[in-house]
């Protein structure tokens, strides 16, 4: 009868094939560390590139801000350039009219030259939306008229514009300057009495 193997020997034989080779854990740990190091290097490079991009964008924004401020400043300084350029021919005409008058030219031709200059002036204003408005014979409107005097006129309705001392102008749909006017008022009792006394005489 064969002798049965001892339990101690069986256990030893079964586990011999499962023993790990020396240094196995060390090699795996080294591989993971290398991968982590490579990944960290990549991330650091990406961060560096992003920082450089942010700095470039910040510099571009600062340059844009300075350029816009410069253009705004120049726009304010030279905002009236086109208007002034358009009025220079009017000034030229006025100077020519003065030269004409100094040569003792006839008054009629001088008057005609001044009228043409005024027309050119008004045409230039109209190109920019500035036009005079008519006040003579209109009812007094405080939104457009500035009454500097009242005058009693027989047969005229009250608050009627009798005379225009200075023209009023609008700029597109906005009042630029009111017209200075003389406005009619109702005759006073004293004026009525005097008028009736004169008629009786």
C-alpha atoms as a PDB file:
ATOM      1  CA  UNK A   1       0.000   0.000   0.000  1.00  0.00           C
ATOM      2  CA  UNK A   2       1.478   3.296  -1.170  1.00  0.00           C
ATOM      3  CA  UNK A   3       2.138   6.005   1.324  1.00  0.00           C
ATOM      4  CA  UNK A   4      -0.037   9.143   0.906  1.00  0.00           C
ATOM      5  CA  UNK A   5       1.790  12.384   0.396  1.00  0.00           C
ATOM      6  CA  UNK A   6       1.881  14.696   3.291  1.00  0.00           C
ATOM      7  CA  UNK A   7      -0.296  17.744   3.324  1.00  0.00           C
ATOM      8  CA  UNK A   8       2.628  20.047   3.849  1.00  0.00           C
ATOM      9  CA  UNK A   9       4.376  18.824   0.691  1.00  0.00           C
ATOM     10  CA  UNK A  10       1.202  19.166  -1.455  1.00  0.00           C
ATOM     11  CA  UNK A  11       0.672  22.740  -0.455  1.00  0.00           C
ATOM     12  CA  UNK A  12       4.244  23.558  -1.275  1.00  0.00           C
ATOM     13  CA  UNK A  13       4.044  22.014  -4.738  1.00  0.00           C
ATOM     14  CA  UNK A  14       0.719  23.745  -5.559  1.00  0.00           C
ATOM     15  CA  UNK A  15       2.033  27.190  -4.753  1.00  0.00           C
ATOM     16  CA  UNK A  16       5.350  26.938  -6.492  1.00  0.00           C
ATOM     17  CA  UNK A  17       3.869  27.869  -9.914  1.00  0.00           C
ATOM     18  CA  UNK A  18       2.201  30.980  -8.557  1.00  0.00           C
ATOM     19  CA  UNK A  19       5.240  32.673  -7.141  1.00  0.00           C
ATOM     20  CA  UNK A  20       5.905  36.061  -8.845  1.00  0.00           C
ATOM     21  CA  UNK A  21       9.220  36.762 -10.408  1.00  0.00           C
ATOM     22  CA  UNK A  22      11.431  39.061  -8.423  1.00  0.00           C
ATOM     23  CA  UNK A  23      11.024  42.777  -9.226  1.00  0.00           C
ATOM     24  CA  UNK A  24       7.532  42.531 -10.855  1.00  0.00           C
ATOM     25  CA  UNK A  25       5.918  45.209  -8.696  1.00  0.00           C
ATOM     26  CA  UNK A  26       8.861  47.568  -9.209  1.00  0.00           C
ATOM     27  CA  UNK A  27       8.594  47.444 -13.014  1.00  0.00           C
ATOM     28  CA  UNK A  28       4.846  48.197 -12.984  1.00  0.00           C
ATOM     29  CA  UNK A  29       5.358  51.108 -10.614  1.00  0.00           C
ATOM     30  CA  UNK A  30       8.067  52.557 -12.842  1.00  0.00           C
ATOM     31  CA  UNK A  31       5.808  52.424 -15.915  1.00  0.00           C
ATOM     32  CA  UNK A  32       2.968  54.266 -14.130  1.00  0.00           C
ATOM     33  CA  UNK A  33       5.352  56.908 -12.832  1.00  0.00           C
ATOM     34  CA  UNK A  34       6.725  57.517 -16.338  1.00  0.00           C
ATOM     35  CA  UNK A  35       3.214  57.859 -17.757  1.00  0.00           C
ATOM     36  CA  UNK A  36       2.255  60.330 -15.036  1.00  0.00           C
ATOM     37  CA  UNK A  37       5.416  62.328 -15.656  1.00  0.00           C
ATOM     38  CA  UNK A  38       4.731  62.483 -19.418  1.00  0.00           C
ATOM     39  CA  UNK A  39       1.127  63.533 -18.811  1.00  0.00           C
ATOM     40  CA  UNK A  40       2.214  66.233 -16.375  1.00  0.00           C
ATOM     41  CA  UNK A  41       4.735  67.561 -18.904  1.00  0.00           C
ATOM     42  CA  UNK A  42       2.020  67.726 -21.581  1.00  0.00           C
ATOM     43  CA  UNK A  43      -0.316  69.590 -19.238  1.00  0.00           C
ATOM     44  CA  UNK A  44       2.405  72.043 -18.262  1.00  0.00           C
ATOM     45  CA  UNK A  45       3.120  72.722 -21.943  1.00  0.00           C
ATOM     46  CA  UNK A  46      -0.599  73.276 -22.621  1.00  0.00           C
ATOM     47  CA  UNK A  47      -0.815  75.657 -19.665  1.00  0.00           C
ATOM     48  CA  UNK A  48       2.205  77.570 -20.935  1.00  0.00           C
ATOM     49  CA  UNK A  49       0.673  77.881 -24.407  1.00  0.00           C
ATOM     50  CA  UNK A  50      -2.637  79.062 -22.942  1.00  0.00           C
ATOM     51  CA  UNK A  51      -0.868  81.650 -20.795  1.00  0.00           C
ATOM     52  CA  UNK A  52       0.947  82.979 -23.847  1.00  0.00           C
ATOM     53  CA  UNK A  53      -2.343  83.115 -25.757  1.00  0.00           C
ATOM     54  CA  UNK A  54      -4.027  85.033 -22.920  1.00  0.00           C
ATOM     55  CA  UNK A  55      -1.141  87.516 -22.829  1.00  0.00           C
ATOM     56  CA  UNK A  56      -1.377  88.046 -26.608  1.00  0.00           C
ATOM     57  CA  UNK A  57      -5.139  88.590 -26.395  1.00  0.00           C
ATOM     58  CA  UNK A  58      -4.704  91.043 -23.512  1.00  0.00           C
ATOM     59  CA  UNK A  59      -2.115  92.977 -25.542  1.00  0.00           C
ATOM     60  CA  UNK A  60      -4.417  93.055 -28.585  1.00  0.00           C
ATOM     61  CA  UNK A  61      -7.323  94.300 -26.459  1.00  0.00           C
ATOM     62  CA  UNK A  62      -5.168  97.042 -24.968  1.00  0.00           C
ATOM     63  CA  UNK A  63      -4.009  98.123 -28.431  1.00  0.00           C
ATOM     64  CA  UNK A  64      -7.617  98.133 -29.671  1.00  0.00           C
ATOM     65  CA  UNK A  65      -8.728 100.208 -26.668  1.00  0.00           C
ATOM     66  CA  UNK A  66      -5.989 102.771 -27.271  1.00  0.00           C
ATOM     67  CA  UNK A  67      -6.795 102.944 -30.988  1.00  0.00           C
ATOM     68  CA  UNK A  68     -10.517 103.491 -30.289  1.00  0.00           C
ATOM     69  CA  UNK A  69      -9.732 106.219 -27.754  1.00  0.00           C
ATOM     70  CA  UNK A  70      -7.445 107.934 -30.283  1.00  0.00           C
ATOM     71  CA  UNK A  71     -10.093 107.719 -33.018  1.00  0.00           C
ATOM     72  CA  UNK A  72     -12.746 109.033 -30.625  1.00  0.00           C
ATOM     73  CA  UNK A  73     -10.538 111.951 -29.625  1.00  0.00           C
ATOM     74  CA  UNK A  74      -9.772 112.776 -33.254  1.00  0.00           C
ATOM     75  CA  UNK A  75     -13.456 112.430 -34.143  1.00  0.00           C
ATOM     76  CA  UNK A  76     -14.388 114.990 -31.488  1.00  0.00           C
ATOM     77  CA  UNK A  77     -11.611 117.373 -32.527  1.00  0.00           C
ATOM     78  CA  UNK A  78     -12.476 117.201 -36.232  1.00  0.00           C
ATOM     79  CA  UNK A  79     -16.229 116.578 -36.050  1.00  0.00           C
ATOM     80  CA  UNK A  80     -16.977 119.927 -37.726  1.00  0.00           C
ATOM     81  CA  UNK A  81     -14.412 119.515 -40.495  1.00  0.00           C
ATOM     82  CA  UNK A  82     -16.888 118.755 -43.287  1.00  0.00           C
ATOM     83  CA  UNK A  83     -19.256 121.551 -42.218  1.00  0.00           C
ATOM     84  CA  UNK A  84     -16.475 124.118 -42.103  1.00  0.00           C
ATOM     85  CA  UNK A  85     -15.169 122.975 -45.495  1.00  0.00           C
ATOM     86  CA  UNK A  86     -18.638 123.481 -47.002  1.00  0.00           C
ATOM     87  CA  UNK A  87     -18.867 127.015 -45.588  1.00  0.00           C
ATOM     88  CA  UNK A  88     -15.510 128.132 -46.955  1.00  0.00           C
ATOM     89  CA  UNK A  89     -16.961 128.900 -50.434  1.00  0.00           C
ATOM     90  CA  UNK A  90     -19.560 131.122 -48.740  1.00  0.00           C
ATOM     91  CA  UNK A  91     -16.766 133.001 -47.014  1.00  0.00           C
ATOM     92  CA  UNK A  92     -14.955 133.283 -50.353  1.00  0.00           C
ATOM     93  CA  UNK A  93     -18.068 134.876 -51.883  1.00  0.00           C
ATOM     94  CA  UNK A  94     -18.353 137.365 -49.037  1.00  0.00           C
ATOM     95  CA  UNK A  95     -14.708 138.352 -49.463  1.00  0.00           C
ATOM     96  CA  UNK A  96     -15.248 138.815 -53.203  1.00  0.00           C
ATOM     97  CA  UNK A  97     -18.279 140.996 -52.451  1.00  0.00           C
ATOM     98  CA  UNK A  98     -16.163 143.197 -50.177  1.00  0.00           C
ATOM     99  CA  UNK A  99     -13.468 143.510 -52.874  1.00  0.00           C
ATOM    100  CA  UNK A 100     -16.175 144.395 -55.368  1.00  0.00           C
ATOM    101  CA  UNK A 101     -17.547 147.105 -53.075  1.00  0.00           C
ATOM    102  CA  UNK A 102     -14.068 148.554 -52.481  1.00  0.00           C
ATOM    103  CA  UNK A 103     -13.781 149.139 -56.221  1.00  0.00           C
ATOM    104  CA  UNK A 104     -16.870 151.341 -55.972  1.00  0.00           C
ATOM    105  CA  UNK A 105     -18.960 149.086 -58.144  1.00  0.00           C
ATOM    106  CA  UNK A 106     -22.628 149.846 -58.574  1.00  0.00           C
ATOM    107  CA  UNK A 107     -24.866 149.007 -55.634  1.00  0.00           C
ATOM    108  CA  UNK A 108     -27.170 146.774 -57.664  1.00  0.00           C
ATOM    109  CA  UNK A 109     -24.455 144.296 -58.630  1.00  0.00           C
ATOM    110  CA  UNK A 110     -23.158 144.304 -55.038  1.00  0.00           C
ATOM    111  CA  UNK A 111     -26.650 143.619 -53.744  1.00  0.00           C
ATOM    112  CA  UNK A 112     -27.073 140.767 -56.201  1.00  0.00           C
ATOM    113  CA  UNK A 113     -23.750 139.252 -55.086  1.00  0.00           C
ATOM    114  CA  UNK A 114     -24.802 139.422 -51.426  1.00  0.00           C
ATOM    115  CA  UNK A 115     -28.126 137.772 -52.231  1.00  0.00           C
ATOM    116  CA  UNK A 116     -26.369 134.946 -54.031  1.00  0.00           C
ATOM    117  CA  UNK A 117     -24.027 134.519 -51.054  1.00  0.00           C
ATOM    118  CA  UNK A 118     -26.965 134.312 -48.648  1.00  0.00           C
ATOM    119  CA  UNK A 119     -28.598 131.719 -50.890  1.00  0.00           C
ATOM    120  CA  UNK A 120     -25.392 129.671 -50.916  1.00  0.00           C
ATOM    121  CA  UNK A 121     -25.226 129.944 -47.148  1.00  0.00           C
ATOM    122  CA  UNK A 122     -28.822 128.722 -46.737  1.00  0.00           C
ATOM    123  CA  UNK A 123     -28.277 125.895 -49.230  1.00  0.00           C
ATOM    124  CA  UNK A 124     -25.260 124.707 -47.245  1.00  0.00           C
ATOM    125  CA  UNK A 125     -27.240 124.828 -43.997  1.00  0.00           C
ATOM    126  CA  UNK A 126     -30.064 122.869 -45.629  1.00  0.00           C
ATOM    127  CA  UNK A 127     -27.646 120.079 -46.590  1.00  0.00           C
ATOM    128  CA  UNK A 128     -27.076 119.545 -42.882  1.00  0.00           C
ATOM    129  CA  UNK A 129     -30.779 119.656 -42.050  1.00  0.00           C
ATOM    130  CA  UNK A 130     -30.825 123.252 -40.806  1.00  0.00           C
ATOM    131  CA  UNK A 131     -33.639 125.352 -42.270  1.00  0.00           C
ATOM    132  CA  UNK A 132     -35.382 128.608 -41.309  1.00  0.00           C
ATOM    133  CA  UNK A 133     -39.090 128.576 -40.544  1.00  0.00           C
ATOM    134  CA  UNK A 134     -41.664 131.201 -41.423  1.00  0.00           C
ATOM    135  CA  UNK A 135     -43.130 133.281 -38.587  1.00  0.00           C
ATOM    136  CA  UNK A 136     -44.680 136.340 -40.199  1.00  0.00           C
ATOM    137  CA  UNK A 137     -48.489 136.329 -39.907  1.00  0.00           C
ATOM    138  CA  UNK A 138     -48.476 133.137 -37.803  1.00  0.00           C
ATOM    139  CA  UNK A 139     -50.041 132.773 -34.393  1.00  0.00           C
ATOM    140  CA  UNK A 140     -47.519 133.173 -31.595  1.00  0.00           C
ATOM    141  CA  UNK A 141     -46.118 129.794 -30.536  1.00  0.00           C
ATOM    142  CA  UNK A 142     -43.851 129.807 -27.456  1.00  0.00           C
ATOM    143  CA  UNK A 143     -42.231 126.612 -28.718  1.00  0.00           C
ATOM    144  CA  UNK A 144     -40.849 128.453 -31.746  1.00  0.00           C
ATOM    145  CA  UNK A 145     -41.155 132.165 -31.033  1.00  0.00           C
ATOM    146  CA  UNK A 146     -39.572 134.517 -28.518  1.00  0.00           C
ATOM    147  CA  UNK A 147     -41.671 137.642 -28.068  1.00  0.00           C
ATOM    148  CA  UNK A 148     -39.499 140.693 -27.459  1.00  0.00           C
ATOM    149  CA  UNK A 149     -42.315 143.199 -27.759  1.00  0.00           C
ATOM    150  CA  UNK A 150     -46.088 143.516 -28.000  1.00  0.00           C
ATOM    151  CA  UNK A 151     -47.850 146.010 -30.199  1.00  0.00           C
ATOM    152  CA  UNK A 152     -51.425 147.144 -30.482  1.00  0.00           C
ATOM    153  CA  UNK A 153     -52.653 147.046 -34.063  1.00  0.00           C
ATOM    154  CA  UNK A 154     -56.208 147.853 -35.037  1.00  0.00           C
ATOM    155  CA  UNK A 155     -57.915 144.995 -36.832  1.00  0.00           C
ATOM    156  CA  UNK A 156     -55.204 142.400 -36.042  1.00  0.00           C
ATOM    157  CA  UNK A 157     -56.135 139.360 -33.952  1.00  0.00           C
ATOM    158  CA  UNK A 158     -54.364 138.999 -30.630  1.00  0.00           C
ATOM    159  CA  UNK A 159     -51.121 136.984 -30.402  1.00  0.00           C
ATOM    160  CA  UNK A 160     -50.322 137.343 -34.085  1.00  0.00           C
ATOM    161  CA  UNK A 161     -46.694 137.721 -35.226  1.00  0.00           C
ATOM    162  CA  UNK A 162     -46.422 141.220 -36.707  1.00  0.00           C
ATOM    163  CA  UNK A 163     -42.678 141.499 -37.309  1.00  0.00           C
ATOM    164  CA  UNK A 164     -39.745 139.099 -37.315  1.00  0.00           C
ATOM    165  CA  UNK A 165     -36.624 140.692 -35.851  1.00  0.00           C
ATOM    166  CA  UNK A 166     -34.481 137.587 -36.101  1.00  0.00           C
ATOM    167  CA  UNK A 167     -35.152 134.390 -38.035  1.00  0.00           C
ATOM    168  CA  UNK A 168     -35.640 131.085 -36.264  1.00  0.00           C
ATOM    169  CA  UNK A 169     -34.073 127.813 -37.399  1.00  0.00           C
ATOM    170  CA  UNK A 170     -34.699 124.124 -36.898  1.00  0.00           C
ATOM    171  CA  UNK A 171     -32.123 121.348 -37.092  1.00  0.00           C
ATOM    172  CA  UNK A 172     -34.037 118.436 -38.619  1.00  0.00           C
ATOM    173  CA  UNK A 173     -36.937 117.955 -36.146  1.00  0.00           C
ATOM    174  CA  UNK A 174     -35.396 119.979 -33.292  1.00  0.00           C
ATOM    175  CA  UNK A 175     -35.579 123.709 -32.622  1.00  0.00           C
ATOM    176  CA  UNK A 176     -32.124 125.206 -33.066  1.00  0.00           C
ATOM    177  CA  UNK A 177     -33.017 128.843 -32.406  1.00  0.00           C
ATOM    178  CA  UNK A 178     -36.390 130.522 -31.826  1.00  0.00           C
ATOM    179  CA  UNK A 179     -37.341 133.518 -33.908  1.00  0.00           C
ATOM    180  CA  UNK A 180     -37.462 136.893 -32.159  1.00  0.00           C
ATOM    181  CA  UNK A 181     -40.805 138.484 -32.944  1.00  0.00           C
ATOM    182  CA  UNK A 182     -43.157 141.369 -32.263  1.00  0.00           C
ATOM    183  CA  UNK A 183     -46.605 140.103 -31.284  1.00  0.00           C
ATOM    184  CA  UNK A 184     -49.989 141.795 -31.512  1.00  0.00           C
ATOM    185  CA  UNK A 185     -52.057 142.399 -28.403  1.00  0.00           C
ATOM    186  CA  UNK A 186     -55.614 143.445 -27.755  1.00  0.00           C
ATOM    187  CA  UNK A 187     -56.154 147.232 -27.625  1.00  0.00           C
ATOM    188  CA  UNK A 188     -56.352 148.589 -24.078  1.00  0.00           C
ATOM    189  CA  UNK A 189     -59.420 150.420 -22.790  1.00  0.00           C
ATOM    190  CA  UNK A 190     -57.501 153.703 -23.002  1.00  0.00           C
ATOM    191  CA  UNK A 191     -56.655 153.070 -26.641  1.00  0.00           C
ATOM    192  CA  UNK A 192     -60.284 152.226 -27.360  1.00  0.00           C
ATOM    193  CA  UNK A 193     -61.394 155.466 -25.722  1.00  0.00           C
ATOM    194  CA  UNK A 194     -58.882 157.507 -27.680  1.00  0.00           C
ATOM    195  CA  UNK A 195     -59.925 155.785 -30.869  1.00  0.00           C
ATOM    196  CA  UNK A 196     -63.577 156.450 -30.221  1.00  0.00           C
ATOM    197  CA  UNK A 197     -62.815 160.097 -29.281  1.00  0.00           C
ATOM    198  CA  UNK A 198     -60.976 160.625 -32.529  1.00  0.00           C
ATOM    199  CA  UNK A 199     -63.891 159.219 -34.511  1.00  0.00           C
ATOM    200  CA  UNK A 200     -66.347 161.494 -32.692  1.00  0.00           C
ATOM    201  CA  UNK A 201     -64.230 164.553 -33.457  1.00  0.00           C
END
